[in-house]
PDB file of N, CA and C in Angstrom:
ATOM      1  N   MET A   1       0.852  -1.179   0.000  1.00  0.00           N
ATOM      2  CA  MET A   1       0.000   0.000   0.000  1.00  0.00           C
ATOM      3  C   MET A   1       0.901   1.246   0.000  1.00  0.00           C
ATOM      4  N   ALA A   2       0.480   2.232  -0.737  1.00  0.00           N
ATOM      5  CA  ALA A   2       1.227   3.484  -0.830  1.00  0.00           C
ATOM      6  C   ALA A   2       0.329   4.631  -0.382  1.00  0.00           C
ATOM      7  N   LYS A   3       0.964   5.641   0.189  1.00  0.00           N
ATOM      8  CA  LYS A   3       0.242   6.845   0.598  1.00  0.00           C
ATOM      9  C   LYS A   3       0.515   7.923  -0.441  1.00  0.00           C
ATOM     10  N   TYR A   4      -0.562   8.558  -0.898  1.00  0.00           N
ATOM     11  CA  TYR A   4      -0.444   9.591  -1.918  1.00  0.00           C
ATOM     12  C   TYR A   4      -1.000  10.912  -1.420  1.00  0.00           C
ATOM     13  N   LEU A   5      -0.306  11.981  -1.772  1.00  0.00           N
ATOM     14  CA  LEU A   5      -0.783  13.340  -1.559  1.00  0.00           C
ATOM     15  C   LEU A   5      -1.190  13.871  -2.925  1.00  0.00           C
ATOM     16  N   VAL A   6      -2.419  14.361  -3.020  1.00  0.00           N
ATOM     17  CA  VAL A   6      -2.980  14.793  -4.301  1.00  0.00           C
ATOM     18  C   VAL A   6      -3.394  16.257  -4.206  1.00  0.00           C
ATOM     19  N   ARG A   7      -3.041  17.018  -5.209  1.00  0.00           N
ATOM     20  CA  ARG A   7      -3.438  18.424  -5.314  1.00  0.00           C
ATOM     21  C   ARG A   7      -4.199  18.577  -6.622  1.00  0.00           C
ATOM     22  N   VAL A   8      -5.364  19.209  -6.551  1.00  0.00           N
ATOM     23  CA  VAL A   8      -6.204  19.378  -7.737  1.00  0.00           C
ATOM     24  C   VAL A   8      -6.654  20.834  -7.828  1.00  0.00           C
ATOM     25  N   VAL A   9      -6.547  21.400  -9.010  1.00  0.00           N
ATOM     26  CA  VAL A   9      -7.095  22.726  -9.289  1.00  0.00           C
ATOM     27  C   VAL A   9      -8.148  22.557 -10.383  1.00  0.00           C
ATOM     28  N   LEU A  10      -9.357  22.951 -10.068  1.00  0.00           N
ATOM     29  CA  LEU A  10     -10.441  22.948 -11.056  1.00  0.00           C
ATOM     30  C   LEU A  10     -10.581  24.385 -11.557  1.00  0.00           C
ATOM     31  N   HIS A  11     -10.146  24.632 -12.773  1.00  0.00           N
ATOM     32  CA  HIS A  11     -10.174  26.003 -13.308  1.00  0.00           C
ATOM     33  C   HIS A  11     -11.604  26.463 -13.541  1.00  0.00           C
ATOM     34  N   ASN A  12     -11.873  27.693 -13.170  1.00  0.00           N
ATOM     35  CA  ASN A  12     -13.181  28.332 -13.338  1.00  0.00           C
ATOM     36  C   ASN A  12     -14.307  27.621 -12.585  1.00  0.00           C
ATOM     37  N   ALA A  13     -13.963  26.913 -11.519  1.00  0.00           N
ATOM     38  CA  ALA A  13     -14.979  26.223 -10.722  1.00  0.00           C
ATOM     39  C   ALA A  13     -15.438  27.117  -9.575  1.00  0.00           C
ATOM     40  N   ASN A  14     -16.715  27.002  -9.236  1.00  0.00           N
ATOM     41  CA  ASN A  14     -17.231  27.721  -8.070  1.00  0.00           C
ATOM     42  C   ASN A  14     -17.227  26.774  -6.865  1.00  0.00           C
ATOM     43  N   TRP A  15     -17.640  27.293  -5.714  1.00  0.00           N
ATOM     44  CA  TRP A  15     -17.609  26.486  -4.488  1.00  0.00           C
ATOM     45  C   TRP A  15     -18.526  25.275  -4.587  1.00  0.00           C
ATOM     46  N   GLU A  16     -19.664  25.434  -5.238  1.00  0.00           N
ATOM     47  CA  GLU A  16     -20.593  24.310  -5.380  1.00  0.00           C
ATOM     48  C   GLU A  16     -19.955  23.165  -6.174  1.00  0.00           C
ATOM     49  N   THR A  17     -19.237  23.527  -7.228  1.00  0.00           N
ATOM     50  CA  THR A  17     -18.557  22.513  -8.032  1.00  0.00           C
ATOM     51  C   THR A  17     -17.487  21.816  -7.202  1.00  0.00           C
ATOM     52  N   TYR A  18     -16.724  22.607  -6.447  1.00  0.00           N
ATOM     53  CA  TYR A  18     -15.694  22.004  -5.591  1.00  0.00           C
ATOM     54  C   TYR A  18     -16.321  21.094  -4.543  1.00  0.00           C
ATOM     55  N   ASP A  19     -17.459  21.495  -3.976  1.00  0.00           N
ATOM     56  CA  ASP A  19     -18.132  20.641  -2.988  1.00  0.00           C
ATOM     57  C   ASP A  19     -18.506  19.293  -3.599  1.00  0.00           C
ATOM     58  N   LYS A  20     -19.018  19.296  -4.807  1.00  0.00           N
ATOM     59  CA  LYS A  20     -19.372  18.050  -5.489  1.00  0.00           C
ATOM     60  C   LYS A  20     -18.121  17.218  -5.779  1.00  0.00           C
ATOM     61  N   PHE A  21     -17.073  17.903  -6.193  1.00  0.00           N
ATOM     62  CA  PHE A  21     -15.815  17.204  -6.472  1.00  0.00           C
ATOM     63  C   PHE A  21     -15.252  16.582  -5.188  1.00  0.00           C
ATOM     64  N   HIS A  22     -15.270  17.350  -4.091  1.00  0.00           N
ATOM     65  CA  HIS A  22     -14.787  16.814  -2.810  1.00  0.00           C
ATOM     66  C   HIS A  22     -15.547  15.543  -2.434  1.00  0.00           C
ATOM     67  N   GLU A  23     -16.852  15.539  -2.646  1.00  0.00           N
ATOM     68  CA  GLU A  23     -17.662  14.365  -2.310  1.00  0.00           C
ATOM     69  C   GLU A  23     -17.279  13.176  -3.190  1.00  0.00           C
ATOM     70  N   THR A  24     -17.057  13.410  -4.469  1.00  0.00           N
ATOM     71  CA  THR A  24     -16.619  12.336  -5.364  1.00  0.00           C
ATOM     72  C   THR A  24     -15.283  11.769  -4.892  1.00  0.00           C
ATOM     73  N   MET A  25     -14.369  12.649  -4.541  1.00  0.00           N
ATOM     74  CA  MET A  25     -13.069  12.196  -4.050  1.00  0.00           C
ATOM     75  C   MET A  25     -13.230  11.393  -2.759  1.00  0.00           C
ATOM     76  N   ARG A  26     -14.045  11.883  -1.843  1.00  0.00           N
ATOM     77  CA  ARG A  26     -14.257  11.192  -0.568  1.00  0.00           C
ATOM     78  C   ARG A  26     -14.816   9.789  -0.786  1.00  0.00           C
ATOM     79  N   LEU A  27     -15.788   9.692  -1.656  1.00  0.00           N
ATOM     80  CA  LEU A  27     -16.403   8.395  -1.938  1.00  0.00           C
ATOM     81  C   LEU A  27     -15.425   7.410  -2.568  1.00  0.00           C
ATOM     82  N   ASN A  28     -14.323   7.922  -3.092  1.00  0.00           N
ATOM     83  CA  ASN A  28     -13.311   7.083  -3.719  1.00  0.00           C
ATOM     84  C   ASN A  28     -12.032   6.974  -2.889  1.00  0.00           C
ATOM     85  N   GLY A  29     -12.143   7.304  -1.595  1.00  0.00           N
ATOM     86  CA  GLY A  29     -11.042   7.059  -0.668  1.00  0.00           C
ATOM     87  C   GLY A  29     -10.021   8.162  -0.506  1.00  0.00           C
ATOM     88  N   PHE A  30     -10.329   9.365  -0.983  1.00  0.00           N
ATOM     89  CA  PHE A  30      -9.422  10.503  -0.844  1.00  0.00           C
ATOM     90  C   PHE A  30      -9.954  11.404   0.264  1.00  0.00           C
ATOM     91  N   VAL A  31      -9.157  11.594   1.312  1.00  0.00           N
ATOM     92  CA  VAL A  31      -9.601  12.383   2.459  1.00  0.00           C
ATOM     93  C   VAL A  31      -8.898  13.733   2.486  1.00  0.00           C
ATOM     94  N   ARG A  32      -9.502  14.669   3.205  1.00  0.00           N
ATOM     95  CA  ARG A  32      -8.972  16.036   3.255  1.00  0.00           C
ATOM     96  C   ARG A  32      -8.451  16.386   4.640  1.00  0.00           C
ATOM     97  N   GLN A  33      -8.131  15.355   5.420  1.00  0.00           N
ATOM     98  CA  GLN A  33      -7.629  15.567   6.771  1.00  0.00           C
ATOM     99  C   GLN A  33      -6.469  14.621   7.046  1.00  0.00           C
ATOM    100  N   VAL A  34      -5.608  15.030   7.971  1.00  0.00           N
ATOM    101  CA  VAL A  34      -4.539  14.171   8.474  1.00  0.00           C
ATOM    102  C   VAL A  34      -4.666  14.106   9.986  1.00  0.00           C
ATOM    103  N   VAL A  35      -4.197  13.010  10.553  1.00  0.00           N
ATOM    104  CA  VAL A  35      -4.252  12.820  11.994  1.00  0.00           C
ATOM    105  C   VAL A  35      -2.842  12.877  12.536  1.00  0.00           C
ATOM    106  N   GLY A  36      -2.634  13.756  13.501  1.00  0.00           N
ATOM    107  CA  GLY A  36      -1.328  13.901  14.124  1.00  0.00           C
ATOM    108  C   GLY A  36      -1.028  12.752  15.066  1.00  0.00           C
ATOM    109  N   GLY A  37       0.224  12.664  15.506  1.00  0.00           N
ATOM    110  CA  GLY A  37       0.651  11.626  16.431  1.00  0.00           C
ATOM    111  C   GLY A  37      -0.106  11.660  17.748  1.00  0.00           C
ATOM    112  N   ASP A  38      -0.649  12.829  18.087  1.00  0.00           N
ATOM    113  CA  ASP A  38      -1.419  12.977  19.321  1.00  0.00           C
ATOM    114  C   ASP A  38      -2.907  12.702  19.108  1.00  0.00           C
ATOM    115  N   GLY A  39      -3.273  12.279  17.875  1.00  0.00           N
ATOM    116  CA  GLY A  39      -4.664  11.983  17.567  1.00  0.00           C
ATOM    117  C   GLY A  39      -5.464  13.184  17.110  1.00  0.00           C
ATOM    118  N   LYS A  40      -4.869  14.367  17.131  1.00  0.00           N
ATOM    119  CA  LYS A  40      -5.561  15.572  16.697  1.00  0.00           C
ATOM    120  C   LYS A  40      -5.727  15.558  15.180  1.00  0.00           C
ATOM    121  N   ILE A  41      -6.901  15.978  14.718  1.00  0.00           N
ATOM    122  CA  ILE A  41      -7.213  15.991  13.289  1.00  0.00           C
ATOM    123  C   ILE A  41      -6.950  17.380  12.723  1.00  0.00           C
ATOM    124  N   PHE A  42      -6.268  17.405  11.590  1.00  0.00           N
ATOM    125  CA  PHE A  42      -5.957  18.652  10.907  1.00  0.00           C
ATOM    126  C   PHE A  42      -6.547  18.617   9.505  1.00  0.00           C
ATOM    127  N   ASN A  43      -7.165  19.719   9.096  1.00  0.00           N
ATOM    128  CA  ASN A  43      -7.666  19.847   7.730  1.00  0.00           C
ATOM    129  C   ASN A  43      -6.517  20.228   6.813  1.00  0.00           C
ATOM    130  N   LEU A  44      -6.456  19.593   5.655  1.00  0.00           N
ATOM    131  CA  LEU A  44      -5.444  19.933   4.661  1.00  0.00           C
ATOM    132  C   LEU A  44      -5.830  21.245   3.970  1.00  0.00           C
ATOM    133  N   PRO A  45      -4.870  21.905   3.338  1.00  0.00           N
ATOM    134  CA  PRO A  45      -5.205  23.101   2.552  1.00  0.00           C
ATOM    135  C   PRO A  45      -6.233  22.762   1.468  1.00  0.00           C
ATOM    136  N   ASP A  46      -6.908  23.776   0.975  1.00  0.00           N
ATOM    137  CA  ASP A  46      -7.938  23.579  -0.048  1.00  0.00           C
ATOM    138  C   ASP A  46      -7.419  22.740  -1.205  1.00  0.00           C
ATOM    139  N   ALA A  47      -8.265  21.806  -1.648  1.00  0.00           N
ATOM    140  CA  ALA A  47      -8.031  20.980  -2.836  1.00  0.00           C
ATOM    141  C   ALA A  47      -6.833  20.044  -2.703  1.00  0.00           C
ATOM    142  N   GLU A  48      -6.469  19.688  -1.463  1.00  0.00           N
ATOM    143  CA  GLU A  48      -5.445  18.670  -1.248  1.00  0.00           C
ATOM    144  C   GLU A  48      -6.080  17.480  -0.555  1.00  0.00           C
ATOM    145  N   TYR A  49      -5.594  16.315  -0.917  1.00  0.00           N
ATOM    146  CA  TYR A  49      -6.175  15.063  -0.435  1.00  0.00           C
ATOM    147  C   TYR A  49      -5.066  14.077  -0.097  1.00  0.00           C
ATOM    148  N   ILE A  50      -5.391  13.143   0.782  1.00  0.00           N
ATOM    149  CA  ILE A  50      -4.521  12.014   1.098  1.00  0.00           C
ATOM    150  C   ILE A  50      -5.295  10.742   0.765  1.00  0.00           C
ATOM    151  N   ALA A  51      -4.598   9.763   0.212  1.00  0.00           N
ATOM    152  CA  ALA A  51      -5.217   8.466  -0.055  1.00  0.00           C
ATOM    153  C   ALA A  51      -4.183   7.370   0.146  1.00  0.00           C
ATOM    154  N   ILE A  52      -4.623   6.273   0.700  1.00  0.00           N
ATOM    155  CA  ILE A  52      -3.787   5.081   0.801  1.00  0.00           C
ATOM    156  C   ILE A  52      -4.377   4.070  -0.172  1.00  0.00           C
ATOM    157  N   LYS A  53      -3.586   3.721  -1.159  1.00  0.00           N
ATOM    158  CA  LYS A  53      -4.076   2.888  -2.261  1.00  0.00           C
ATOM    159  C   LYS A  53      -3.083   1.775  -2.573  1.00  0.00           C
ATOM    160  N   ASN A  54      -3.608   0.676  -3.033  1.00  0.00           N
ATOM    161  CA  ASN A  54      -2.800  -0.424  -3.523  1.00  0.00           C
ATOM    162  C   ASN A  54      -2.743  -0.322  -5.048  1.00  0.00           C
ATOM    163  N   GLU A  55      -2.289   0.835  -5.523  1.00  0.00           N
ATOM    164  CA  GLU A  55      -2.244   1.134  -6.954  1.00  0.00           C
ATOM    165  C   GLU A  55      -0.980   1.915  -7.264  1.00  0.00           C
ATOM    166  N   TYR A  56      -0.566   1.855  -8.510  1.00  0.00           N
ATOM    167  CA  TYR A  56       0.568   2.658  -8.953  1.00  0.00           C
ATOM    168  C   TYR A  56       0.155   4.126  -9.063  1.00  0.00           C
ATOM    169  N   ILE A  57       1.118   4.993  -8.934  1.00  0.00           N
ATOM    170  CA  ILE A  57       0.874   6.431  -8.920  1.00  0.00           C
ATOM    171  C   ILE A  57       0.158   6.907 -10.188  1.00  0.00           C
ATOM    172  N   ASP A  58       0.522   6.362 -11.346  1.00  0.00           N
ATOM    173  CA  ASP A  58      -0.131   6.782 -12.594  1.00  0.00           C
ATOM    174  C   ASP A  58      -1.609   6.391 -12.621  1.00  0.00           C
ATOM    175  N   ASN A  59      -1.941   5.258 -12.025  1.00  0.00           N
ATOM    176  CA  ASN A  59      -3.347   4.846 -11.957  1.00  0.00           C
ATOM    177  C   ASN A  59      -4.144   5.788 -11.064  1.00  0.00           C
ATOM    178  N   VAL A  60      -3.525   6.195  -9.937  1.00  0.00           N
ATOM    179  CA  VAL A  60      -4.186   7.142  -9.037  1.00  0.00           C
ATOM    180  C   VAL A  60      -4.400   8.459  -9.772  1.00  0.00           C
ATOM    181  N   ARG A  61      -3.366   8.938 -10.443  1.00  0.00           N
ATOM    182  CA  ARG A  61      -3.485  10.181 -11.222  1.00  0.00           C
ATOM    183  C   ARG A  61      -4.606  10.095 -12.247  1.00  0.00           C
ATOM    184  N   ASP A  62      -4.664   8.989 -12.975  1.00  0.00           N
ATOM    185  CA  ASP A  62      -5.680   8.844 -14.022  1.00  0.00           C
ATOM    186  C   ASP A  62      -7.091   8.835 -13.442  1.00  0.00           C
ATOM    187  N   LYS A  63      -7.274   8.245 -12.269  1.00  0.00           N
ATOM    188  CA  LYS A  63      -8.589   8.266 -11.621  1.00  0.00           C
ATOM    189  C   LYS A  63      -8.978   9.683 -11.227  1.00  0.00           C
ATOM    190  N   VAL A  64      -8.033  10.421 -10.666  1.00  0.00           N
ATOM    191  CA  VAL A  64      -8.324  11.796 -10.253  1.00  0.00           C
ATOM    192  C   VAL A  64      -8.631  12.653 -11.477  1.00  0.00           C
ATOM    193  N   ILE A  65      -7.917  12.448 -12.561  1.00  0.00           N
ATOM    194  CA  ILE A  65      -8.208  13.169 -13.811  1.00  0.00           C
ATOM    195  C   ILE A  65      -9.640  12.878 -14.254  1.00  0.00           C
ATOM    196  N   LYS A  66     -10.031  11.623 -14.195  1.00  0.00           N
ATOM    197  CA  LYS A  66     -11.397  11.243 -14.573  1.00  0.00           C
ATOM    198  C   LYS A  66     -12.426  11.964 -13.708  1.00  0.00           C
ATOM    199  N   PHE A  67     -12.175  12.035 -12.406  1.00  0.00           N
ATOM    200  CA  PHE A  67     -13.104  12.719 -11.498  1.00  0.00           C
ATOM    201  C   PHE A  67     -13.160  14.214 -11.813  1.00  0.00           C
ATOM    202  N   ALA A  68     -12.011  14.838 -12.033  1.00  0.00           N
ATOM    203  CA  ALA A  68     -11.971  16.274 -12.339  1.00  0.00           C
ATOM    204  C   ALA A  68     -12.732  16.567 -13.634  1.00  0.00           C
ATOM    205  N   ALA A  69     -12.557  15.709 -14.628  1.00  0.00           N
ATOM    206  CA  ALA A  69     -13.201  15.914 -15.931  1.00  0.00           C
ATOM    207  C   ALA A  69     -14.722  15.816 -15.844  1.00  0.00           C
ATOM    208  N   MET A  70     -15.231  15.222 -14.777  1.00  0.00           N
ATOM    209  CA  MET A  70     -16.681  15.153 -14.581  1.00  0.00           C
ATOM    210  C   MET A  70     -17.269  16.534 -14.285  1.00  0.00           C
ATOM    211  N   TYR A  71     -16.430  17.471 -13.827  1.00  0.00           N
ATOM    212  CA  TYR A  71     -16.933  18.753 -13.331  1.00  0.00           C
ATOM    213  C   TYR A  71     -16.481  19.972 -14.129  1.00  0.00           C
ATOM    214  N   VAL A  72     -15.302  19.919 -14.699  1.00  0.00           N
ATOM    215  CA  VAL A  72     -14.783  21.068 -15.467  1.00  0.00           C
ATOM    216  C   VAL A  72     -13.997  20.558 -16.669  1.00  0.00           C
ATOM    217  N   GLN A  73     -13.758  21.452 -17.609  1.00  0.00           N
ATOM    218  CA  GLN A  73     -12.986  21.086 -18.798  1.00  0.00           C
ATOM    219  C   GLN A  73     -11.488  21.246 -18.588  1.00  0.00           C
ATOM    220  N   LYS A  74     -11.105  22.206 -17.729  1.00  0.00           N
ATOM    221  CA  LYS A  74      -9.679  22.477 -17.512  1.00  0.00           C
ATOM    222  C   LYS A  74      -9.356  22.255 -16.043  1.00  0.00           C
ATOM    223  N   TYR A  75      -8.319  21.488 -15.792  1.00  0.00           N
ATOM    224  CA  TYR A  75      -7.935  21.135 -14.421  1.00  0.00           C
ATOM    225  C   TYR A  75      -6.449  20.787 -14.394  1.00  0.00           C
ATOM    226  N   ASP A  76      -5.874  20.867 -13.226  1.00  0.00           N
ATOM    227  CA  ASP A  76      -4.495  20.456 -12.990  1.00  0.00           C
ATOM    228  C   ASP A  76      -4.507  19.429 -11.873  1.00  0.00           C
ATOM    229  N   VAL A  77      -3.708  18.384 -12.026  1.00  0.00           N
ATOM    230  CA  VAL A  77      -3.643  17.313 -11.032  1.00  0.00           C
ATOM    231  C   VAL A  77      -2.173  16.998 -10.757  1.00  0.00           C
ATOM    232  N   LEU A  78      -1.823  16.956  -9.488  1.00  0.00           N
ATOM    233  CA  LEU A  78      -0.483  16.565  -9.061  1.00  0.00           C
ATOM    234  C   LEU A  78      -0.642  15.454  -8.032  1.00  0.00           C
ATOM    235  N   VAL A  79       0.018  14.325  -8.262  1.00  0.00           N
ATOM    236  CA  VAL A  79      -0.021  13.206  -7.328  1.00  0.00           C
ATOM    237  C   VAL A  79       1.411  12.897  -6.918  1.00  0.00           C
ATOM    238  N   SER A  80       1.653  12.853  -5.610  1.00  0.00           N
ATOM    239  CA  SER A  80       2.973  12.531  -5.075  1.00  0.00           C
ATOM    240  C   SER A  80       2.859  11.345  -4.137  1.00  0.00           C
ATOM    241  N   GLU A  81       3.790  10.403  -4.249  1.00  0.00           N
ATOM    242  CA  GLU A  81       3.842   9.319  -3.285  1.00  0.00           C
ATOM    243  C   GLU A  81       4.580   9.823  -2.054  1.00  0.00           C
ATOM    244  N   VAL A  82       4.017   9.551  -0.894  1.00  0.00           N
ATOM    245  CA  VAL A  82       4.532  10.111   0.352  1.00  0.00           C
ATOM    246  C   VAL A  82       5.104   9.000   1.223  1.00  0.00           C
ATOM    247  N   LEU A  83       6.351   9.156   1.635  1.00  0.00           N
ATOM    248  CA  LEU A  83       6.969   8.206   2.551  1.00  0.00           C
ATOM    249  C   LEU A  83       6.792   8.659   3.996  1.00  0.00           C
ATOM    250  N   GLY A  84       6.737   9.943   4.199  1.00  0.00           N
ATOM    251  CA  GLY A  84       6.531  10.509   5.519  1.00  0.00           C
ATOM    252  C   GLY A  84       5.951  11.901   5.369  1.00  0.00           C
ATOM    253  N   MET A  85       5.372  12.394   6.455  1.00  0.00           N
ATOM    254  CA  MET A  85       4.778  13.732   6.398  1.00  0.00           C
ATOM    255  C   MET A  85       5.093  14.481   7.683  1.00  0.00           C
ATOM    256  N   SER A  86       5.306  15.755   7.538  1.00  0.00           N
ATOM    257  CA  SER A  86       5.430  16.645   8.681  1.00  0.00           C
ATOM    258  C   SER A  86       4.708  17.919   8.294  1.00  0.00           C
ATOM    259  N   TRP A  87       3.942  18.490   9.198  1.00  0.00           N
ATOM    260  CA  TRP A  87       3.158  19.658   8.819  1.00  0.00           C
ATOM    261  C   TRP A  87       2.989  20.623   9.981  1.00  0.00           C
ATOM    262  N   TYR A  88       2.646  21.820   9.588  1.00  0.00           N
ATOM    263  CA  TYR A  88       2.252  22.856  10.526  1.00  0.00           C
ATOM    264  C   TYR A  88       1.080  23.563   9.875  1.00  0.00           C
ATOM    265  N   LEU A  89      -0.077  23.465  10.479  1.00  0.00           N
ATOM    266  CA  LEU A  89      -1.275  24.115   9.964  1.00  0.00           C
ATOM    267  C   LEU A  89      -1.761  25.063  11.058  1.00  0.00           C
ATOM    268  N   ASN A  90      -1.771  26.332  10.771  1.00  0.00           N
ATOM    269  CA  ASN A  90      -2.083  27.328  11.768  1.00  0.00           C
ATOM    270  C   ASN A  90      -3.452  27.925  11.518  1.00  0.00           C
TER     271      ASN A  90
END
């Protein structure tokens, strides 16, 4: 299993479109929160997701592209495999 950090930009999308996109991502195993070592939950920055998948990175990217294309014509998708994470969210 691999952990992926995903960033998506839906060009010319409004908040309603992003809300629908977030729900599609959630239903497919992409979450918008991380849990700290102390159990505290942190929200990721807008349009960032974490997923643990038993898939290659290109397959994850292609799925996210498919989801983005359901809502807008122009989008950007970045998928990174994550070995570890450290964050500060204020």
